[in-house]
Amino acid sequence: MNKTKLALMFGGLVALGASALPAHAELSVGTTTQADIHFSGVLPKVTLNITPASNLQAGEIASGTTLADLEISTIDGSQQILALLPDDTTFKEKIFDEKSMAAKIHSETDPNHVIGVRVGSKEENVVVQGVEGHSYLMTNTALAKTSGWNISTDGLNNDVAPGSYPVLLTAYSYKN
């Protein structure tokens, strides 16, 4: 095939393709979606159970009264260092010592109704450890399940108002 015929054929194909396109291109309004893609680590997942105490009465509540029992356990039953992070949105004015955390929780309906609380364990050796800018309550030894962890009153809480006092906690398994 000579060059002239090839050029005419190519020109015809280009013209044919160009005539099939609209005079201008147009796109609709775009939709953007975000997703988090997670890769699980080598540490097992954990469960956290918060069991509020029953029959709590408004009024004066003595120091050390259990408000809720906490249980962290590994899903696969393996023994791990278990960690607990009290959330900043429900636990205010957090103060950590070597083995527990004191804070204030507020009524869901009235921020002026406050209870002083302590999060820790009455049975296990708990330590407070800083990781990536946060203070965690951790078991001092590897366990499959915690025992004796709770949220209790800290100091005499006079005139606790009736209502709901939400708490938000996150549990982890930890490896240094």
N, C-alpha and C. Protein backbone atom coordinates (compact mmCIF):
# COMPACT_ATOMS: atom_id res chain seq x y z
N MET A 1 0.86 -1.16 0.00
CA MET A 1 0.00 0.00 0.00
C MET A 1 0.90 1.22 0.00
N ASN A 2 0.58 2.17 -0.84
CA ASN A 2 1.46 3.33 -0.89
C ASN A 2 1.07 4.33 0.18
N LYS A 3 1.93 5.32 0.36
CA LYS A 3 1.77 6.29 1.44
C LYS A 3 0.54 7.16 1.24
N THR A 4 0.19 7.47 0.02
CA THR A 4 -0.97 8.33 -0.25
C THR A 4 -2.25 7.63 0.17
N LYS A 5 -2.40 6.37 -0.22
CA LYS A 5 -3.60 5.62 0.15
C LYS A 5 -3.68 5.46 1.67
N LEU A 6 -2.54 5.20 2.29
CA LEU A 6 -2.51 5.04 3.74
C LEU A 6 -2.92 6.34 4.43
N ALA A 7 -2.43 7.47 3.92
CA ALA A 7 -2.77 8.77 4.50
C ALA A 7 -4.24 9.06 4.34
N LEU A 8 -4.83 8.76 3.17
CA LEU A 8 -6.26 8.99 2.94
C LEU A 8 -7.10 8.09 3.85
N MET A 9 -6.69 6.84 4.00
CA MET A 9 -7.42 5.93 4.88
C MET A 9 -7.37 6.40 6.33
N PHE A 10 -6.21 6.81 6.78
CA PHE A 10 -6.05 7.29 8.14
C PHE A 10 -6.86 8.55 8.37
N GLY A 11 -6.80 9.48 7.41
CA GLY A 11 -7.57 10.72 7.50
C GLY A 11 -9.05 10.45 7.56
N GLY A 12 -9.52 9.48 6.78
CA GLY A 12 -10.94 9.12 6.80
C GLY A 12 -11.36 8.55 8.15
N LEU A 13 -10.51 7.71 8.71
CA LEU A 13 -10.83 7.14 10.03
C LEU A 13 -10.88 8.21 11.11
N VAL A 14 -9.95 9.15 11.05
CA VAL A 14 -9.95 10.24 12.03
C VAL A 14 -11.20 11.08 11.88
N ALA A 15 -11.58 11.40 10.65
CA ALA A 15 -12.78 12.20 10.41
C ALA A 15 -14.02 11.46 10.88
N LEU A 16 -14.08 10.17 10.62
CA LEU A 16 -15.21 9.37 11.05
C LEU A 16 -15.31 9.35 12.58
N GLY A 17 -14.19 9.19 13.25
CA GLY A 17 -14.18 9.19 14.72
C GLY A 17 -14.56 10.55 15.27
N ALA A 18 -14.08 11.61 14.67
CA ALA A 18 -14.37 12.95 15.15
C ALA A 18 -15.84 13.29 14.97
N SER A 19 -16.45 12.79 13.90
CA SER A 19 -17.85 13.12 13.69
C SER A 19 -18.75 12.39 14.68
N ALA A 20 -18.28 11.31 15.30
CA ALA A 20 -19.09 10.57 16.27
C ALA A 20 -19.04 11.21 17.65
N LEU A 21 -18.10 12.10 17.92
CA LEU A 21 -17.98 12.75 19.22
C LEU A 21 -18.91 13.95 19.30
N PRO A 22 -19.43 14.25 20.49
CA PRO A 22 -20.26 15.44 20.62
C PRO A 22 -19.42 16.70 20.44
N ALA A 23 -20.09 17.80 20.22
CA ALA A 23 -19.39 19.07 20.01
C ALA A 23 -18.60 19.47 21.25
N HIS A 24 -19.08 19.13 22.43
CA HIS A 24 -18.34 19.41 23.67
C HIS A 24 -18.57 18.26 24.64
N ALA A 25 -17.59 18.00 25.49
CA ALA A 25 -17.71 16.94 26.49
C ALA A 25 -18.35 17.52 27.74
N GLU A 26 -19.07 16.69 28.48
CA GLU A 26 -19.76 17.17 29.67
C GLU A 26 -19.75 16.06 30.72
N LEU A 27 -19.54 16.45 31.98
CA LEU A 27 -19.58 15.51 33.10
C LEU A 27 -20.69 15.93 34.05
N SER A 28 -21.29 14.96 34.71
CA SER A 28 -22.28 15.28 35.74
C SER A 28 -21.57 15.79 36.98
N VAL A 29 -22.33 16.20 37.98
CA VAL A 29 -21.75 16.56 39.27
C VAL A 29 -21.20 15.28 39.89
N GLY A 30 -19.97 15.33 40.34
CA GLY A 30 -19.31 14.14 40.88
C GLY A 30 -19.78 13.78 42.27
N THR A 31 -19.64 12.54 42.60
CA THR A 31 -19.93 12.03 43.94
C THR A 31 -18.64 11.46 44.50
N THR A 32 -18.27 11.93 45.70
CA THR A 32 -17.06 11.45 46.34
C THR A 32 -17.43 10.60 47.54
N THR A 33 -16.81 9.48 47.67
CA THR A 33 -17.04 8.58 48.79
C THR A 33 -15.70 8.22 49.39
N GLN A 34 -15.69 8.11 50.74
CA GLN A 34 -14.47 7.73 51.43
C GLN A 34 -14.71 6.43 52.17
N ALA A 35 -13.70 5.60 52.21
CA ALA A 35 -13.77 4.35 52.96
C ALA A 35 -12.44 4.14 53.65
N ASP A 36 -12.48 3.52 54.80
CA ASP A 36 -11.26 3.14 55.50
C ASP A 36 -11.00 1.67 55.21
N ILE A 37 -9.83 1.39 54.72
CA ILE A 37 -9.43 0.01 54.45
C ILE A 37 -8.54 -0.42 55.61
N HIS A 38 -8.97 -1.44 56.34
CA HIS A 38 -8.26 -1.86 57.54
C HIS A 38 -7.52 -3.17 57.29
N PHE A 39 -6.33 -3.23 57.82
CA PHE A 39 -5.55 -4.46 57.83
C PHE A 39 -5.42 -4.88 59.28
N SER A 40 -5.85 -6.07 59.61
CA SER A 40 -5.77 -6.50 60.99
C SER A 40 -4.33 -6.84 61.34
N GLY A 41 -3.99 -6.54 62.56
CA GLY A 41 -2.65 -6.81 63.04
C GLY A 41 -2.53 -8.22 63.58
N VAL A 42 -1.40 -8.48 64.18
CA VAL A 42 -1.16 -9.81 64.72
C VAL A 42 -1.80 -9.98 66.09
N LEU A 43 -2.16 -8.88 66.73
CA LEU A 43 -2.78 -8.98 68.05
C LEU A 43 -4.25 -9.34 67.91
N PRO A 44 -4.76 -10.18 68.80
CA PRO A 44 -6.16 -10.57 68.70
C PRO A 44 -7.09 -9.44 69.11
N LYS A 45 -8.30 -9.48 68.56
CA LYS A 45 -9.32 -8.51 68.95
C LYS A 45 -9.79 -8.84 70.35
N VAL A 46 -10.38 -7.83 71.00
CA VAL A 46 -10.90 -8.02 72.35
C VAL A 46 -12.36 -7.60 72.40
N THR A 47 -13.03 -8.06 73.43
CA THR A 47 -14.38 -7.58 73.72
C THR A 47 -14.34 -6.82 75.03
N LEU A 48 -15.23 -5.86 75.16
CA LEU A 48 -15.36 -5.08 76.39
C LEU A 48 -16.82 -5.10 76.80
N ASN A 49 -17.07 -5.56 78.00
CA ASN A 49 -18.43 -5.55 78.55
C ASN A 49 -18.48 -4.56 79.71
N ILE A 50 -19.44 -3.66 79.65
CA ILE A 50 -19.70 -2.71 80.73
C ILE A 50 -21.05 -3.09 81.31
N THR A 51 -21.07 -3.46 82.58
CA THR A 51 -22.30 -3.87 83.24
C THR A 51 -22.63 -2.87 84.35
N PRO A 52 -23.56 -1.95 84.09
CA PRO A 52 -23.92 -0.97 85.12
C PRO A 52 -24.50 -1.66 86.35
N ALA A 53 -24.19 -1.11 87.52
CA ALA A 53 -24.76 -1.65 88.76
C ALA A 53 -26.26 -1.42 88.76
N SER A 54 -26.97 -2.36 89.34
CA SER A 54 -28.43 -2.20 89.41
C SER A 54 -28.79 -1.51 90.72
N ASN A 55 -29.94 -0.92 90.74
CA ASN A 55 -30.51 -0.30 91.94
C ASN A 55 -29.69 0.85 92.50
N LEU A 56 -29.00 1.61 91.65
CA LEU A 56 -28.34 2.82 92.13
C LEU A 56 -29.41 3.87 92.41
N GLN A 57 -29.30 4.52 93.55
CA GLN A 57 -30.28 5.52 93.94
C GLN A 57 -29.63 6.91 93.94
N ALA A 58 -30.36 7.90 93.47
CA ALA A 58 -29.89 9.28 93.52
C ALA A 58 -29.73 9.69 94.98
N GLY A 59 -28.96 10.73 95.19
CA GLY A 59 -28.70 11.21 96.55
C GLY A 59 -27.24 11.05 96.89
N GLU A 60 -26.93 10.89 98.17
CA GLU A 60 -25.55 10.76 98.61
C GLU A 60 -25.04 9.35 98.32
N ILE A 61 -23.90 9.26 97.65
CA ILE A 61 -23.30 7.97 97.31
C ILE A 61 -21.90 7.93 97.91
N ALA A 62 -21.62 6.91 98.69
CA ALA A 62 -20.33 6.80 99.38
C ALA A 62 -19.19 6.54 98.40
N SER A 63 -17.99 6.97 98.80
CA SER A 63 -16.79 6.73 98.01
C SER A 63 -16.55 5.23 97.88
N GLY A 64 -16.16 4.79 96.69
CA GLY A 64 -15.87 3.38 96.46
C GLY A 64 -17.07 2.57 96.02
N THR A 65 -18.24 3.19 95.89
CA THR A 65 -19.42 2.48 95.42
C THR A 65 -19.24 2.11 93.96
N THR A 66 -19.42 0.83 93.62
CA THR A 66 -19.28 0.39 92.24
C THR A 66 -20.46 0.87 91.41
N LEU A 67 -20.15 1.58 90.32
CA LEU A 67 -21.18 2.07 89.40
C LEU A 67 -21.33 1.12 88.21
N ALA A 68 -20.23 0.49 87.80
CA ALA A 68 -20.28 -0.45 86.67
C ALA A 68 -19.08 -1.39 86.76
N ASP A 69 -19.30 -2.65 86.41
CA ASP A 69 -18.22 -3.62 86.30
C ASP A 69 -17.74 -3.64 84.85
N LEU A 70 -16.44 -3.82 84.67
CA LEU A 70 -15.82 -3.84 83.34
C LEU A 70 -15.12 -5.17 83.15
N GLU A 71 -15.28 -5.75 81.97
CA GLU A 71 -14.56 -6.99 81.66
C GLU A 71 -14.01 -6.90 80.25
N ILE A 72 -12.70 -7.05 80.13
CA ILE A 72 -12.04 -7.11 78.83
C ILE A 72 -11.58 -8.54 78.63
N SER A 73 -11.81 -9.10 77.45
CA SER A 73 -11.32 -10.45 77.17
C SER A 73 -10.91 -10.56 75.71
N THR A 74 -9.95 -11.45 75.45
CA THR A 74 -9.54 -11.69 74.07
C THR A 74 -10.55 -12.62 73.42
N ILE A 75 -10.84 -12.37 72.16
CA ILE A 75 -11.83 -13.18 71.44
C ILE A 75 -11.35 -14.62 71.28
N ASP A 76 -10.04 -14.79 71.06
CA ASP A 76 -9.52 -16.14 70.83
C ASP A 76 -9.06 -16.85 72.11
N GLY A 77 -9.22 -16.21 73.27
CA GLY A 77 -8.83 -16.82 74.54
C GLY A 77 -7.35 -16.77 74.84
N SER A 78 -6.56 -16.13 73.98
CA SER A 78 -5.12 -16.05 74.22
C SER A 78 -4.82 -15.04 75.32
N GLN A 79 -3.68 -15.22 75.96
CA GLN A 79 -3.28 -14.30 77.02
C GLN A 79 -2.49 -13.14 76.42
N GLN A 80 -2.95 -11.94 76.72
CA GLN A 80 -2.36 -10.71 76.18
C GLN A 80 -2.33 -9.66 77.28
N ILE A 81 -1.52 -8.63 77.07
CA ILE A 81 -1.65 -7.43 77.89
C ILE A 81 -2.93 -6.74 77.40
N LEU A 82 -3.83 -6.42 78.31
CA LEU A 82 -5.11 -5.81 77.95
C LEU A 82 -5.09 -4.35 78.37
N ALA A 83 -5.61 -3.49 77.52
CA ALA A 83 -5.55 -2.05 77.76
C ALA A 83 -6.93 -1.43 77.64
N LEU A 84 -7.15 -0.36 78.41
CA LEU A 84 -8.43 0.34 78.43
C LEU A 84 -8.18 1.83 78.29
N LEU A 85 -8.89 2.47 77.37
CA LEU A 85 -8.76 3.91 77.15
C LEU A 85 -10.09 4.59 77.46
N PRO A 86 -10.15 5.37 78.56
CA PRO A 86 -11.35 6.16 78.83
C PRO A 86 -11.40 7.34 77.86
N ASP A 87 -12.54 7.52 77.22
CA ASP A 87 -12.70 8.53 76.19
C ASP A 87 -12.80 9.93 76.78
N ASP A 88 -12.21 10.90 76.09
CA ASP A 88 -12.21 12.29 76.54
C ASP A 88 -13.59 12.93 76.49
N THR A 89 -14.50 12.41 75.67
CA THR A 89 -15.81 13.06 75.54
C THR A 89 -16.72 12.78 76.73
N THR A 90 -16.52 11.67 77.43
CA THR A 90 -17.37 11.39 78.59
C THR A 90 -16.63 11.47 79.91
N PHE A 91 -15.33 11.26 79.91
CA PHE A 91 -14.54 11.38 81.14
C PHE A 91 -13.81 12.71 81.10
N LYS A 92 -14.20 13.63 81.97
CA LYS A 92 -13.62 14.98 82.00
C LYS A 92 -12.65 15.10 83.17
N GLU A 93 -11.69 16.01 83.02
CA GLU A 93 -10.72 16.32 84.08
C GLU A 93 -10.02 15.06 84.58
N LYS A 94 -9.51 14.27 83.64
CA LYS A 94 -8.86 13.00 83.99
C LYS A 94 -7.55 13.24 84.73
N ILE A 95 -7.36 12.47 85.80
CA ILE A 95 -6.11 12.49 86.56
C ILE A 95 -5.68 11.04 86.75
N PHE A 96 -4.47 10.72 86.29
CA PHE A 96 -3.97 9.35 86.41
C PHE A 96 -2.97 9.27 87.55
N ASP A 97 -3.04 8.21 88.34
CA ASP A 97 -1.96 7.88 89.25
C ASP A 97 -1.29 6.62 88.68
N GLU A 98 -0.54 5.88 89.48
CA GLU A 98 0.17 4.72 88.91
C GLU A 98 -0.75 3.58 88.52
N LYS A 99 -1.94 3.49 89.13
CA LYS A 99 -2.77 2.29 88.95
C LYS A 99 -4.21 2.55 88.56
N SER A 100 -4.64 3.79 88.47
CA SER A 100 -6.04 4.06 88.16
C SER A 100 -6.19 5.47 87.59
N MET A 101 -7.42 5.80 87.26
CA MET A 101 -7.71 7.12 86.73
C MET A 101 -8.91 7.69 87.48
N ALA A 102 -8.79 8.92 87.91
CA ALA A 102 -9.93 9.64 88.49
C ALA A 102 -10.42 10.63 87.44
N ALA A 103 -11.73 10.82 87.41
CA ALA A 103 -12.31 11.75 86.44
C ALA A 103 -13.70 12.16 86.91
N LYS A 104 -14.34 12.95 86.10
CA LYS A 104 -15.72 13.35 86.36
C LYS A 104 -16.56 12.96 85.16
N ILE A 105 -17.75 12.43 85.44
CA ILE A 105 -18.71 12.16 84.38
C ILE A 105 -19.93 13.04 84.62
N HIS A 106 -20.57 13.44 83.53
CA HIS A 106 -21.67 14.39 83.61
C HIS A 106 -22.98 13.74 83.18
N SER A 107 -24.06 14.27 83.73
CA SER A 107 -25.39 13.81 83.35
C SER A 107 -25.62 14.05 81.87
N GLU A 108 -26.35 13.13 81.25
CA GLU A 108 -26.67 13.24 79.83
C GLU A 108 -27.54 14.47 79.55
N THR A 109 -28.36 14.86 80.52
CA THR A 109 -29.30 15.96 80.30
C THR A 109 -28.90 17.27 80.94
N ASP A 110 -28.01 17.24 81.94
CA ASP A 110 -27.62 18.48 82.62
C ASP A 110 -26.13 18.43 82.94
N PRO A 111 -25.31 19.21 82.24
CA PRO A 111 -23.86 19.17 82.48
C PRO A 111 -23.45 19.64 83.87
N ASN A 112 -24.38 20.24 84.62
CA ASN A 112 -24.07 20.67 85.98
C ASN A 112 -24.16 19.52 86.98
N HIS A 113 -24.77 18.41 86.59
CA HIS A 113 -24.84 17.23 87.45
C HIS A 113 -23.62 16.37 87.16
N VAL A 114 -22.74 16.24 88.16
CA VAL A 114 -21.43 15.61 87.98
C VAL A 114 -21.21 14.54 89.05
N ILE A 115 -20.55 13.46 88.66
CA ILE A 115 -20.13 12.42 89.61
C ILE A 115 -18.62 12.24 89.48
N GLY A 116 -17.91 12.27 90.61
CA GLY A 116 -16.49 11.94 90.63
C GLY A 116 -16.33 10.43 90.59
N VAL A 117 -15.53 9.91 89.65
CA VAL A 117 -15.38 8.46 89.50
C VAL A 117 -13.90 8.07 89.45
N ARG A 118 -13.68 6.78 89.66
CA ARG A 118 -12.34 6.20 89.51
C ARG A 118 -12.49 4.94 88.67
N VAL A 119 -11.60 4.78 87.68
CA VAL A 119 -11.59 3.60 86.82
C VAL A 119 -10.32 2.83 87.13
N GLY A 120 -10.46 1.55 87.42
CA GLY A 120 -9.31 0.73 87.75
C GLY A 120 -9.74 -0.67 88.12
N SER A 121 -8.92 -1.36 88.91
CA SER A 121 -9.22 -2.73 89.32
C SER A 121 -8.97 -2.88 90.80
N LYS A 122 -9.88 -3.57 91.46
CA LYS A 122 -9.71 -3.86 92.89
C LYS A 122 -8.93 -5.15 93.10
N GLU A 123 -8.75 -5.94 92.04
CA GLU A 123 -8.13 -7.26 92.19
C GLU A 123 -6.80 -7.42 91.46
N GLU A 124 -6.68 -6.88 90.25
CA GLU A 124 -5.50 -7.13 89.44
C GLU A 124 -4.49 -6.00 89.56
N ASN A 125 -3.27 -6.32 89.21
CA ASN A 125 -2.22 -5.33 89.20
C ASN A 125 -2.33 -4.52 87.91
N VAL A 126 -2.84 -3.31 88.02
CA VAL A 126 -3.06 -2.43 86.87
C VAL A 126 -1.98 -1.37 86.86
N VAL A 127 -1.52 -1.03 85.68
CA VAL A 127 -0.55 0.06 85.52
C VAL A 127 -1.11 1.07 84.54
N VAL A 128 -0.65 2.31 84.67
CA VAL A 128 -1.00 3.35 83.70
C VAL A 128 0.21 3.53 82.81
N GLN A 129 -0.01 3.45 81.51
CA GLN A 129 1.09 3.58 80.57
C GLN A 129 0.70 4.53 79.44
N GLY A 130 1.62 5.41 79.09
CA GLY A 130 1.40 6.32 77.97
C GLY A 130 1.80 5.67 76.66
N VAL A 131 0.91 5.75 75.68
CA VAL A 131 1.17 5.24 74.33
C VAL A 131 0.62 6.26 73.35
N GLU A 132 1.49 6.77 72.48
CA GLU A 132 1.10 7.70 71.42
C GLU A 132 0.27 8.87 71.94
N GLY A 133 0.69 9.44 73.06
CA GLY A 133 0.03 10.64 73.59
C GLY A 133 -1.21 10.40 74.42
N HIS A 134 -1.57 9.15 74.67
CA HIS A 134 -2.74 8.84 75.50
C HIS A 134 -2.31 7.98 76.68
N SER A 135 -3.02 8.12 77.80
CA SER A 135 -2.77 7.29 78.97
C SER A 135 -3.77 6.15 79.00
N TYR A 136 -3.25 4.93 79.05
CA TYR A 136 -4.06 3.72 79.06
C TYR A 136 -3.94 3.03 80.41
N LEU A 137 -5.02 2.41 80.87
CA LEU A 137 -4.97 1.50 82.00
C LEU A 137 -4.67 0.13 81.41
N MET A 138 -3.63 -0.56 81.93
CA MET A 138 -3.22 -1.85 81.35
C MET A 138 -3.02 -2.88 82.43
N THR A 139 -3.24 -4.14 82.04
CA THR A 139 -2.88 -5.23 82.95
C THR A 139 -1.36 -5.29 83.01
N ASN A 140 -0.84 -5.64 84.17
CA ASN A 140 0.61 -5.72 84.34
C ASN A 140 1.15 -7.04 83.81
N THR A 141 0.28 -8.03 83.65
CA THR A 141 0.66 -9.34 83.12
C THR A 141 -0.32 -9.73 82.02
N ALA A 142 0.06 -10.71 81.22
CA ALA A 142 -0.80 -11.18 80.13
C ALA A 142 -1.96 -12.00 80.71
N LEU A 143 -3.16 -11.71 80.23
CA LEU A 143 -4.38 -12.39 80.69
C LEU A 143 -5.29 -12.66 79.50
N ALA A 144 -6.16 -13.63 79.64
CA ALA A 144 -7.20 -13.86 78.64
C ALA A 144 -8.44 -13.03 78.96
N LYS A 145 -8.61 -12.69 80.27
CA LYS A 145 -9.78 -11.94 80.70
C LYS A 145 -9.45 -11.19 81.99
N THR A 146 -9.94 -9.96 82.09
CA THR A 146 -9.72 -9.18 83.31
C THR A 146 -10.74 -9.58 84.37
N SER A 147 -10.42 -9.27 85.62
CA SER A 147 -11.39 -9.44 86.71
C SER A 147 -11.23 -8.29 87.69
N GLY A 148 -12.34 -7.89 88.26
CA GLY A 148 -12.30 -6.84 89.27
C GLY A 148 -12.18 -5.43 88.73
N TRP A 149 -12.22 -5.24 87.43
CA TRP A 149 -12.16 -3.89 86.88
C TRP A 149 -13.53 -3.24 87.03
N ASN A 150 -13.54 -1.95 87.36
CA ASN A 150 -14.82 -1.28 87.52
C ASN A 150 -14.69 0.23 87.42
N ILE A 151 -15.84 0.85 87.40
CA ILE A 151 -15.96 2.29 87.57
C ILE A 151 -16.64 2.46 88.92
N SER A 152 -16.00 3.19 89.82
CA SER A 152 -16.57 3.39 91.15
C SER A 152 -16.55 4.88 91.48
N THR A 153 -17.30 5.24 92.51
CA THR A 153 -17.30 6.64 92.92
C THR A 153 -15.96 6.96 93.57
N ASP A 154 -15.53 8.19 93.41
CA ASP A 154 -14.27 8.65 93.97
C ASP A 154 -14.58 9.84 94.86
N GLY A 155 -14.45 9.65 96.15
CA GLY A 155 -14.81 10.70 97.08
C GLY A 155 -16.31 10.67 97.34
N LEU A 156 -16.75 11.43 98.30
CA LEU A 156 -18.16 11.49 98.64
C LEU A 156 -18.89 12.30 97.58
N ASN A 157 -19.86 11.71 96.94
CA ASN A 157 -20.67 12.40 95.93
C ASN A 157 -22.00 12.76 96.58
N ASN A 158 -22.12 14.00 97.03
CA ASN A 158 -23.35 14.45 97.65
C ASN A 158 -24.36 14.82 96.59
N ASP A 159 -25.57 14.45 96.85
CA ASP A 159 -26.69 14.88 96.03
C ASP A 159 -26.52 14.55 94.55
N VAL A 160 -26.29 13.29 94.25
CA VAL A 160 -26.25 12.85 92.85
C VAL A 160 -27.66 12.92 92.30
N ALA A 161 -27.83 13.64 91.21
CA ALA A 161 -29.15 13.83 90.62
C ALA A 161 -29.57 12.59 89.84
N PRO A 162 -30.87 12.31 89.80
CA PRO A 162 -31.34 11.20 88.98
C PRO A 162 -31.02 11.46 87.51
N GLY A 163 -30.81 10.41 86.76
CA GLY A 163 -30.55 10.56 85.33
C GLY A 163 -29.52 9.57 84.84
N SER A 164 -29.15 9.73 83.60
CA SER A 164 -28.20 8.85 82.94
C SER A 164 -26.86 9.57 82.83
N TYR A 165 -25.78 8.86 83.16
CA TYR A 165 -24.43 9.39 83.10
C TYR A 165 -23.62 8.51 82.15
N PRO A 166 -23.54 8.87 80.86
CA PRO A 166 -22.89 7.99 79.88
C PRO A 166 -21.38 7.93 80.05
N VAL A 167 -20.81 6.77 79.73
CA VAL A 167 -19.36 6.58 79.71
C VAL A 167 -18.99 5.89 78.40
N LEU A 168 -17.83 6.23 77.88
CA LEU A 168 -17.34 5.64 76.64
C LEU A 168 -15.92 5.15 76.88
N LEU A 169 -15.70 3.86 76.70
CA LEU A 169 -14.40 3.23 76.91
C LEU A 169 -14.04 2.41 75.68
N THR A 170 -12.75 2.31 75.39
CA THR A 170 -12.28 1.48 74.29
C THR A 170 -11.23 0.52 74.84
N ALA A 171 -11.33 -0.75 74.48
CA ALA A 171 -10.40 -1.78 74.96
C ALA A 171 -9.53 -2.28 73.82
N TYR A 172 -8.32 -2.69 74.17
CA TYR A 172 -7.33 -3.16 73.19
C TYR A 172 -6.53 -4.31 73.78
N SER A 173 -5.90 -5.09 72.91
CA SER A 173 -4.78 -5.92 73.34
C SER A 173 -3.53 -5.13 72.96
N TYR A 174 -2.46 -5.32 73.73
CA TYR A 174 -1.28 -4.46 73.58
C TYR A 174 -0.02 -5.29 73.56
N LYS A 175 0.92 -4.85 72.74
CA LYS A 175 2.24 -5.47 72.69
C LYS A 175 3.26 -4.35 72.57
N ASN A 176 4.25 -4.38 73.42
CA ASN A 176 5.27 -3.34 73.42
C ASN A 176 6.32 -3.62 72.36
